[in-house]
């Protein structure tokens, strides 16, 4: 069972179905990782091609296999559901990171655009402290040129 930190870089979306008929929609994303939920800022007036470039951090413990992203349009009153993407995490746990990649946005089993995000997984115990220890001393730094 993976334990550690999941970093999600929410980059952008494109080709989203505009749920506002008179104006550009104001999309935002709710990212759910098991019981943890985080919300992006609202991309005001950016319509079907929003950009966020925001990073979210989740602490992983226990059995987790996917990340869910729900895209909504911020409206006065009830926000409109635009679509969602489910990202499997198995490859991430093997690779450690996945560069920004586009994932399909689905609503009512139909393609509704794509959302782009990058993922990084840092296993528990392999944080920055370990990386710093690795660079202290060692033959490379003590080498002398004659």
N, C-alpha and C. Protein backbone atom coordinates (compact mmCIF):
# COMPACT_ATOMS: atom_id res chain seq x y z
N UNK A 1 0.83 -1.18 0.00
CA UNK A 1 0.00 0.00 0.00
C UNK A 1 0.88 1.25 0.00
N UNK A 2 0.68 2.12 -0.97
CA UNK A 2 1.52 3.31 -1.05
C UNK A 2 1.23 4.30 0.08
N UNK A 3 2.31 4.80 0.67
CA UNK A 3 2.19 5.86 1.66
C UNK A 3 3.18 6.94 1.29
N UNK A 4 2.74 8.18 1.38
CA UNK A 4 3.61 9.28 1.02
C UNK A 4 2.80 10.50 0.62
N UNK A 5 3.40 11.30 -0.25
CA UNK A 5 2.79 12.55 -0.68
C UNK A 5 2.50 12.53 -2.17
N UNK A 6 1.29 12.90 -2.52
CA UNK A 6 0.88 13.02 -3.91
C UNK A 6 0.77 14.51 -4.23
N UNK A 7 1.53 14.95 -5.23
CA UNK A 7 1.47 16.34 -5.66
C UNK A 7 0.78 16.38 -7.02
N UNK A 8 -0.27 17.18 -7.13
CA UNK A 8 -1.04 17.30 -8.37
C UNK A 8 -0.85 18.71 -8.92
N UNK A 9 -0.31 18.80 -10.13
CA UNK A 9 -0.19 20.09 -10.81
C UNK A 9 -1.34 20.18 -11.81
N UNK A 10 -2.34 20.99 -11.47
CA UNK A 10 -3.49 21.20 -12.34
C UNK A 10 -3.11 22.30 -13.34
N UNK A 11 -2.96 21.93 -14.62
CA UNK A 11 -2.46 22.87 -15.61
C UNK A 11 -3.60 23.61 -16.31
N UNK A 12 -4.43 22.87 -17.06
CA UNK A 12 -5.45 23.52 -17.87
C UNK A 12 -6.48 22.50 -18.34
N UNK A 13 -7.45 22.99 -19.10
CA UNK A 13 -8.44 22.12 -19.76
C UNK A 13 -8.70 22.72 -21.13
N UNK A 14 -9.19 21.88 -22.03
CA UNK A 14 -9.57 22.41 -23.34
C UNK A 14 -10.71 21.60 -23.92
N UNK A 15 -11.47 22.27 -24.78
CA UNK A 15 -12.59 21.61 -25.44
C UNK A 15 -13.76 21.30 -24.54
N UNK A 16 -13.83 21.97 -23.38
CA UNK A 16 -14.95 21.72 -22.46
C UNK A 16 -16.24 22.25 -23.07
N UNK A 17 -17.32 21.58 -22.74
CA UNK A 17 -18.63 22.03 -23.22
C UNK A 17 -19.05 23.23 -22.38
N UNK A 18 -19.31 24.36 -23.03
CA UNK A 18 -19.68 25.58 -22.33
C UNK A 18 -21.11 25.45 -21.83
N UNK A 19 -21.27 25.51 -20.51
CA UNK A 19 -22.61 25.36 -19.93
C UNK A 19 -23.33 26.70 -19.77
N UNK A 20 -22.63 27.80 -20.04
CA UNK A 20 -23.26 29.13 -20.01
C UNK A 20 -23.56 29.55 -21.44
N UNK A 21 -24.81 29.81 -21.74
CA UNK A 21 -25.19 30.13 -23.12
C UNK A 21 -24.93 31.59 -23.47
N UNK A 22 -25.02 32.48 -22.50
CA UNK A 22 -24.85 33.90 -22.77
C UNK A 22 -23.43 34.40 -22.52
N UNK A 23 -22.72 33.81 -21.56
CA UNK A 23 -21.37 34.24 -21.20
C UNK A 23 -20.41 33.07 -21.26
N UNK A 24 -19.11 33.39 -21.12
CA UNK A 24 -18.13 32.32 -20.94
C UNK A 24 -18.33 31.74 -19.56
N UNK A 25 -18.17 30.42 -19.44
CA UNK A 25 -18.32 29.80 -18.13
C UNK A 25 -17.09 30.11 -17.27
N UNK A 26 -17.24 29.91 -15.97
CA UNK A 26 -16.20 30.16 -14.98
C UNK A 26 -15.85 28.83 -14.30
N UNK A 27 -15.03 28.00 -14.95
CA UNK A 27 -14.80 26.65 -14.43
C UNK A 27 -13.84 26.60 -13.24
N UNK A 28 -14.08 25.59 -12.41
CA UNK A 28 -13.16 25.24 -11.33
C UNK A 28 -13.18 23.73 -11.19
N UNK A 29 -12.21 23.20 -10.45
CA UNK A 29 -12.06 21.75 -10.33
C UNK A 29 -12.05 21.34 -8.86
N UNK A 30 -12.77 20.26 -8.55
CA UNK A 30 -12.70 19.66 -7.23
C UNK A 30 -11.91 18.35 -7.41
N UNK A 31 -10.77 18.28 -6.73
CA UNK A 31 -9.90 17.11 -6.83
C UNK A 31 -10.13 16.26 -5.59
N UNK A 32 -10.47 14.99 -5.81
CA UNK A 32 -10.75 14.08 -4.70
C UNK A 32 -9.78 12.91 -4.74
N UNK A 33 -9.13 12.71 -3.60
CA UNK A 33 -8.21 11.59 -3.43
C UNK A 33 -8.68 10.84 -2.19
N UNK A 34 -9.44 9.80 -2.43
CA UNK A 34 -10.10 9.01 -1.38
C UNK A 34 -11.00 9.90 -0.55
N UNK A 35 -10.63 10.25 0.69
CA UNK A 35 -11.51 11.09 1.52
C UNK A 35 -11.08 12.55 1.53
N UNK A 36 -9.94 12.85 0.91
CA UNK A 36 -9.46 14.23 0.88
C UNK A 36 -9.98 14.94 -0.36
N UNK A 37 -10.37 16.20 -0.19
CA UNK A 37 -10.93 16.96 -1.30
C UNK A 37 -10.34 18.37 -1.28
N UNK A 38 -9.92 18.84 -2.47
CA UNK A 38 -9.39 20.20 -2.58
C UNK A 38 -10.01 20.85 -3.81
N UNK A 39 -10.15 22.17 -3.74
CA UNK A 39 -10.81 22.91 -4.81
C UNK A 39 -9.86 23.92 -5.42
N UNK A 40 -9.85 24.00 -6.75
CA UNK A 40 -9.02 24.98 -7.45
C UNK A 40 -9.67 26.35 -7.37
N UNK A 41 -8.95 27.35 -7.84
CA UNK A 41 -9.55 28.67 -7.96
C UNK A 41 -10.51 28.65 -9.15
N UNK A 42 -11.38 29.63 -9.23
CA UNK A 42 -12.32 29.73 -10.34
C UNK A 42 -11.62 30.47 -11.48
N UNK A 43 -11.61 29.87 -12.68
CA UNK A 43 -11.00 30.50 -13.86
C UNK A 43 -12.06 31.41 -14.49
N UNK A 44 -12.23 32.58 -13.88
CA UNK A 44 -13.31 33.50 -14.27
C UNK A 44 -13.24 33.91 -15.73
N UNK A 45 -14.36 33.67 -16.43
CA UNK A 45 -14.51 34.09 -17.82
C UNK A 45 -13.62 33.38 -18.81
N UNK A 46 -12.95 32.29 -18.41
CA UNK A 46 -12.03 31.60 -19.33
C UNK A 46 -12.74 30.56 -20.19
N UNK A 47 -14.01 30.33 -19.96
CA UNK A 47 -14.80 29.48 -20.82
C UNK A 47 -14.31 28.05 -20.91
N UNK A 48 -14.27 27.52 -22.15
CA UNK A 48 -13.95 26.11 -22.36
C UNK A 48 -12.46 25.83 -22.46
N UNK A 49 -11.61 26.85 -22.29
CA UNK A 49 -10.14 26.68 -22.37
C UNK A 49 -9.46 27.27 -21.13
N UNK A 50 -9.86 26.88 -19.93
CA UNK A 50 -9.30 27.50 -18.71
C UNK A 50 -7.86 27.06 -18.42
N UNK A 51 -7.13 27.96 -17.73
CA UNK A 51 -5.79 27.63 -17.24
C UNK A 51 -5.75 27.93 -15.75
N UNK A 52 -5.15 27.01 -14.99
CA UNK A 52 -5.05 27.19 -13.55
C UNK A 52 -3.59 27.27 -13.09
N UNK A 53 -2.76 26.32 -13.50
CA UNK A 53 -1.37 26.22 -13.05
C UNK A 53 -1.27 26.30 -11.52
N UNK A 54 -2.02 25.41 -10.86
CA UNK A 54 -2.05 25.35 -9.40
C UNK A 54 -1.58 23.97 -8.95
N UNK A 55 -0.94 23.94 -7.78
CA UNK A 55 -0.45 22.68 -7.22
C UNK A 55 -1.22 22.34 -5.95
N UNK A 56 -1.58 21.06 -5.82
CA UNK A 56 -2.31 20.55 -4.65
C UNK A 56 -1.53 19.38 -4.10
N UNK A 57 -1.49 19.26 -2.76
CA UNK A 57 -0.75 18.18 -2.12
C UNK A 57 -1.72 17.34 -1.28
N UNK A 58 -1.62 16.03 -1.45
CA UNK A 58 -2.43 15.08 -0.70
C UNK A 58 -1.50 14.13 0.04
N UNK A 59 -1.85 13.78 1.28
CA UNK A 59 -1.10 12.77 2.04
C UNK A 59 -1.78 11.43 1.82
N UNK A 60 -1.02 10.48 1.31
CA UNK A 60 -1.58 9.16 1.01
C UNK A 60 -1.24 8.16 2.09
N UNK A 61 -2.25 7.48 2.58
CA UNK A 61 -2.09 6.35 3.48
C UNK A 61 -3.15 5.33 3.09
N UNK A 62 -2.83 4.08 3.22
CA UNK A 62 -3.82 3.06 2.90
C UNK A 62 -3.92 2.79 1.42
N UNK A 63 -4.98 2.15 1.05
CA UNK A 63 -5.17 1.68 -0.32
C UNK A 63 -5.84 2.76 -1.16
N UNK A 64 -5.10 3.30 -2.12
CA UNK A 64 -5.65 4.32 -3.03
C UNK A 64 -5.25 3.94 -4.45
N UNK A 65 -6.21 3.96 -5.37
CA UNK A 65 -5.89 3.53 -6.74
C UNK A 65 -6.20 4.58 -7.79
N UNK A 66 -6.95 5.65 -7.41
CA UNK A 66 -7.31 6.64 -8.41
C UNK A 66 -7.55 8.01 -7.80
N UNK A 67 -7.52 8.99 -8.69
CA UNK A 67 -7.77 10.38 -8.35
C UNK A 67 -8.96 10.81 -9.20
N UNK A 68 -9.90 11.55 -8.61
CA UNK A 68 -11.07 12.00 -9.36
C UNK A 68 -11.08 13.52 -9.44
N UNK A 69 -11.34 14.04 -10.64
CA UNK A 69 -11.44 15.48 -10.85
C UNK A 69 -12.82 15.80 -11.39
N UNK A 70 -13.55 16.64 -10.69
CA UNK A 70 -14.87 17.09 -11.15
C UNK A 70 -14.75 18.53 -11.57
N UNK A 71 -15.18 18.83 -12.78
CA UNK A 71 -15.14 20.20 -13.28
C UNK A 71 -16.55 20.77 -13.18
N UNK A 72 -16.63 21.94 -12.57
CA UNK A 72 -17.90 22.63 -12.41
C UNK A 72 -17.80 24.05 -12.93
N UNK A 73 -18.93 24.63 -13.26
CA UNK A 73 -19.02 26.01 -13.71
C UNK A 73 -19.62 26.82 -12.57
N UNK A 74 -18.86 27.78 -12.07
CA UNK A 74 -19.33 28.61 -10.96
C UNK A 74 -20.43 29.54 -11.45
N UNK A 75 -21.59 29.42 -10.83
CA UNK A 75 -22.75 30.23 -11.18
C UNK A 75 -23.38 30.81 -9.92
N UNK A 76 -24.20 31.81 -10.09
CA UNK A 76 -24.99 32.32 -8.97
C UNK A 76 -26.03 31.23 -8.70
N UNK A 77 -26.11 30.80 -7.48
CA UNK A 77 -27.02 29.70 -7.16
C UNK A 77 -26.29 28.38 -7.27
N UNK A 78 -26.84 27.47 -8.05
CA UNK A 78 -26.25 26.14 -8.19
C UNK A 78 -25.22 26.10 -9.30
N UNK A 79 -24.03 25.54 -9.01
CA UNK A 79 -22.98 25.41 -10.01
C UNK A 79 -23.32 24.26 -10.96
N UNK A 80 -22.98 24.43 -12.25
CA UNK A 80 -23.27 23.41 -13.26
C UNK A 80 -22.14 22.38 -13.32
N UNK A 81 -22.50 21.10 -13.41
CA UNK A 81 -21.53 20.02 -13.58
C UNK A 81 -21.11 19.98 -15.05
N UNK A 82 -19.81 20.12 -15.30
CA UNK A 82 -19.29 20.12 -16.68
C UNK A 82 -18.85 18.72 -17.10
N UNK A 83 -18.19 18.00 -16.18
CA UNK A 83 -17.71 16.65 -16.48
C UNK A 83 -16.69 16.23 -15.44
N UNK A 84 -16.19 14.99 -15.58
CA UNK A 84 -15.19 14.52 -14.62
C UNK A 84 -14.18 13.62 -15.31
N UNK A 85 -13.03 13.49 -14.66
CA UNK A 85 -11.96 12.61 -15.14
C UNK A 85 -11.50 11.76 -13.97
N UNK A 86 -11.23 10.49 -14.24
CA UNK A 86 -10.71 9.58 -13.23
C UNK A 86 -9.32 9.15 -13.68
N UNK A 87 -8.32 9.41 -12.84
CA UNK A 87 -6.94 9.11 -13.20
C UNK A 87 -6.45 7.94 -12.35
N UNK A 88 -6.09 6.82 -13.00
CA UNK A 88 -5.53 5.69 -12.25
C UNK A 88 -4.13 6.05 -11.76
N UNK A 89 -3.78 5.62 -10.55
CA UNK A 89 -2.50 5.99 -9.95
C UNK A 89 -1.45 4.90 -9.95
N UNK A 90 -1.77 3.70 -10.44
CA UNK A 90 -0.82 2.59 -10.40
C UNK A 90 0.50 2.93 -11.09
N UNK A 91 0.44 3.51 -12.28
CA UNK A 91 1.67 3.86 -13.03
C UNK A 91 2.48 4.90 -12.26
N UNK A 92 1.80 5.82 -11.59
CA UNK A 92 2.50 6.86 -10.81
C UNK A 92 3.31 6.24 -9.68
N UNK A 93 2.74 5.25 -9.00
CA UNK A 93 3.44 4.62 -7.88
C UNK A 93 4.68 3.88 -8.38
N UNK A 94 4.66 3.41 -9.62
CA UNK A 94 5.80 2.72 -10.21
C UNK A 94 6.84 3.71 -10.70
N UNK A 95 6.40 4.75 -11.42
CA UNK A 95 7.30 5.71 -12.06
C UNK A 95 7.78 6.82 -11.11
N UNK A 96 6.97 7.22 -10.17
CA UNK A 96 7.32 8.32 -9.27
C UNK A 96 6.77 9.66 -9.73
N UNK A 97 6.71 9.86 -11.05
CA UNK A 97 6.10 11.10 -11.56
C UNK A 97 5.59 10.88 -12.98
N UNK A 98 4.58 11.64 -13.33
CA UNK A 98 4.00 11.62 -14.67
C UNK A 98 3.95 13.08 -15.11
N UNK A 99 4.62 13.42 -16.22
CA UNK A 99 4.61 14.82 -16.68
C UNK A 99 3.19 15.24 -17.06
N UNK A 100 2.95 16.56 -17.19
CA UNK A 100 1.60 17.01 -17.55
C UNK A 100 1.05 16.25 -18.76
N UNK A 101 -0.10 15.60 -18.54
CA UNK A 101 -0.74 14.73 -19.51
C UNK A 101 -2.21 15.09 -19.59
N UNK A 102 -2.80 14.98 -20.78
CA UNK A 102 -4.23 15.27 -20.97
C UNK A 102 -5.04 14.00 -20.70
N UNK A 103 -6.11 14.17 -19.93
CA UNK A 103 -7.04 13.08 -19.61
C UNK A 103 -8.43 13.48 -20.09
N UNK A 104 -9.19 12.49 -20.57
CA UNK A 104 -10.54 12.75 -21.07
C UNK A 104 -11.49 13.18 -19.95
N UNK A 105 -12.31 14.17 -20.26
CA UNK A 105 -13.37 14.61 -19.37
C UNK A 105 -14.66 13.96 -19.88
N UNK A 106 -15.38 13.29 -19.00
CA UNK A 106 -16.57 12.53 -19.38
C UNK A 106 -17.79 13.06 -18.62
N UNK A 107 -18.92 13.14 -19.32
CA UNK A 107 -20.20 13.46 -18.68
C UNK A 107 -21.26 12.61 -19.38
N UNK A 108 -22.04 11.89 -18.60
CA UNK A 108 -23.08 11.00 -19.14
C UNK A 108 -22.48 10.04 -20.18
N UNK A 109 -21.28 9.50 -19.86
CA UNK A 109 -20.58 8.53 -20.70
C UNK A 109 -20.18 9.09 -22.06
N UNK A 110 -20.11 10.42 -22.20
CA UNK A 110 -19.69 11.05 -23.45
C UNK A 110 -18.47 11.92 -23.21
N UNK A 111 -17.59 11.99 -24.22
CA UNK A 111 -16.39 12.82 -24.18
C UNK A 111 -16.80 14.30 -24.17
N UNK A 112 -16.24 15.06 -23.20
CA UNK A 112 -16.60 16.48 -23.08
C UNK A 112 -15.37 17.38 -23.00
N UNK A 113 -14.24 16.93 -23.56
CA UNK A 113 -13.02 17.72 -23.55
C UNK A 113 -11.91 17.00 -22.80
N UNK A 114 -10.85 17.75 -22.45
CA UNK A 114 -9.77 17.14 -21.71
C UNK A 114 -9.23 18.08 -20.64
N UNK A 115 -8.61 17.47 -19.65
CA UNK A 115 -7.99 18.23 -18.56
C UNK A 115 -6.54 17.77 -18.46
N UNK A 116 -5.64 18.73 -18.27
CA UNK A 116 -4.21 18.42 -18.27
C UNK A 116 -3.64 18.61 -16.87
N UNK A 117 -2.94 17.57 -16.39
CA UNK A 117 -2.30 17.66 -15.09
C UNK A 117 -1.06 16.79 -15.01
N UNK A 118 -0.17 17.18 -14.13
CA UNK A 118 1.04 16.41 -13.86
C UNK A 118 0.95 15.85 -12.45
N UNK A 119 1.60 14.71 -12.22
CA UNK A 119 1.53 14.04 -10.92
C UNK A 119 2.92 13.67 -10.43
N UNK A 120 3.16 13.82 -9.14
CA UNK A 120 4.41 13.40 -8.52
C UNK A 120 4.08 12.68 -7.22
N UNK A 121 4.69 11.51 -7.03
CA UNK A 121 4.49 10.76 -5.79
C UNK A 121 5.83 10.63 -5.08
N UNK A 122 5.87 11.04 -3.81
CA UNK A 122 7.07 10.90 -2.99
C UNK A 122 6.74 9.93 -1.87
N UNK A 123 7.35 8.72 -1.91
CA UNK A 123 7.08 7.73 -0.87
C UNK A 123 7.51 8.25 0.50
N UNK A 124 6.80 7.81 1.53
CA UNK A 124 7.14 8.20 2.90
C UNK A 124 8.57 7.77 3.20
N UNK A 125 9.35 8.68 3.79
CA UNK A 125 10.74 8.35 4.13
C UNK A 125 11.72 8.70 3.04
N UNK A 126 11.25 9.20 1.89
CA UNK A 126 12.15 9.58 0.80
C UNK A 126 12.01 11.06 0.49
N UNK A 127 11.84 11.85 1.53
CA UNK A 127 11.63 13.28 1.34
C UNK A 127 12.93 14.03 1.11
N UNK A 128 12.90 15.33 1.25
CA UNK A 128 14.05 16.18 0.97
C UNK A 128 15.20 15.92 1.94
N UNK A 129 14.92 15.49 3.18
CA UNK A 129 15.98 15.21 4.13
C UNK A 129 16.92 14.15 3.58
N UNK A 130 16.37 13.12 2.99
CA UNK A 130 17.16 12.03 2.43
C UNK A 130 18.02 12.54 1.27
N UNK A 131 17.45 13.36 0.41
CA UNK A 131 18.18 13.89 -0.75
C UNK A 131 19.36 14.75 -0.28
N UNK A 132 19.18 15.53 0.78
CA UNK A 132 20.27 16.36 1.27
C UNK A 132 21.39 15.49 1.83
N UNK A 133 21.06 14.45 2.57
CA UNK A 133 22.07 13.55 3.13
C UNK A 133 22.91 12.94 2.03
N UNK A 134 22.28 12.60 0.93
CA UNK A 134 22.96 11.95 -0.17
C UNK A 134 24.05 12.83 -0.77
N UNK A 135 23.88 14.15 -0.72
CA UNK A 135 24.82 15.08 -1.34
C UNK A 135 25.92 15.57 -0.39
N UNK A 136 25.86 15.20 0.87
CA UNK A 136 26.87 15.66 1.82
C UNK A 136 28.07 14.75 1.74
N UNK A 137 29.28 15.36 1.61
CA UNK A 137 30.50 14.57 1.57
C UNK A 137 30.58 13.72 0.32
N UNK A 138 31.24 12.57 0.46
CA UNK A 138 31.32 11.68 -0.69
C UNK A 138 32.53 11.97 -1.55
N UNK A 139 32.88 11.07 -2.41
CA UNK A 139 34.10 11.19 -3.20
C UNK A 139 34.06 12.34 -4.19
N UNK A 140 32.91 12.68 -4.72
CA UNK A 140 32.85 13.75 -5.71
C UNK A 140 33.25 15.10 -5.11
N UNK A 141 32.81 15.37 -3.89
CA UNK A 141 33.12 16.66 -3.28
C UNK A 141 34.50 16.69 -2.65
N UNK A 142 35.07 15.53 -2.36
CA UNK A 142 36.38 15.52 -1.72
C UNK A 142 37.49 15.28 -2.74
N UNK A 143 37.15 15.13 -4.00
CA UNK A 143 38.12 14.87 -5.06
C UNK A 143 39.02 16.09 -5.27
N UNK A 144 40.28 15.85 -5.48
CA UNK A 144 41.23 16.93 -5.72
C UNK A 144 41.85 16.75 -7.09
N UNK A 145 41.94 17.83 -7.82
CA UNK A 145 42.66 17.77 -9.11
C UNK A 145 44.12 18.10 -8.87
N UNK A 146 45.03 17.25 -9.37
CA UNK A 146 46.47 17.48 -9.18
C UNK A 146 47.07 18.12 -10.39
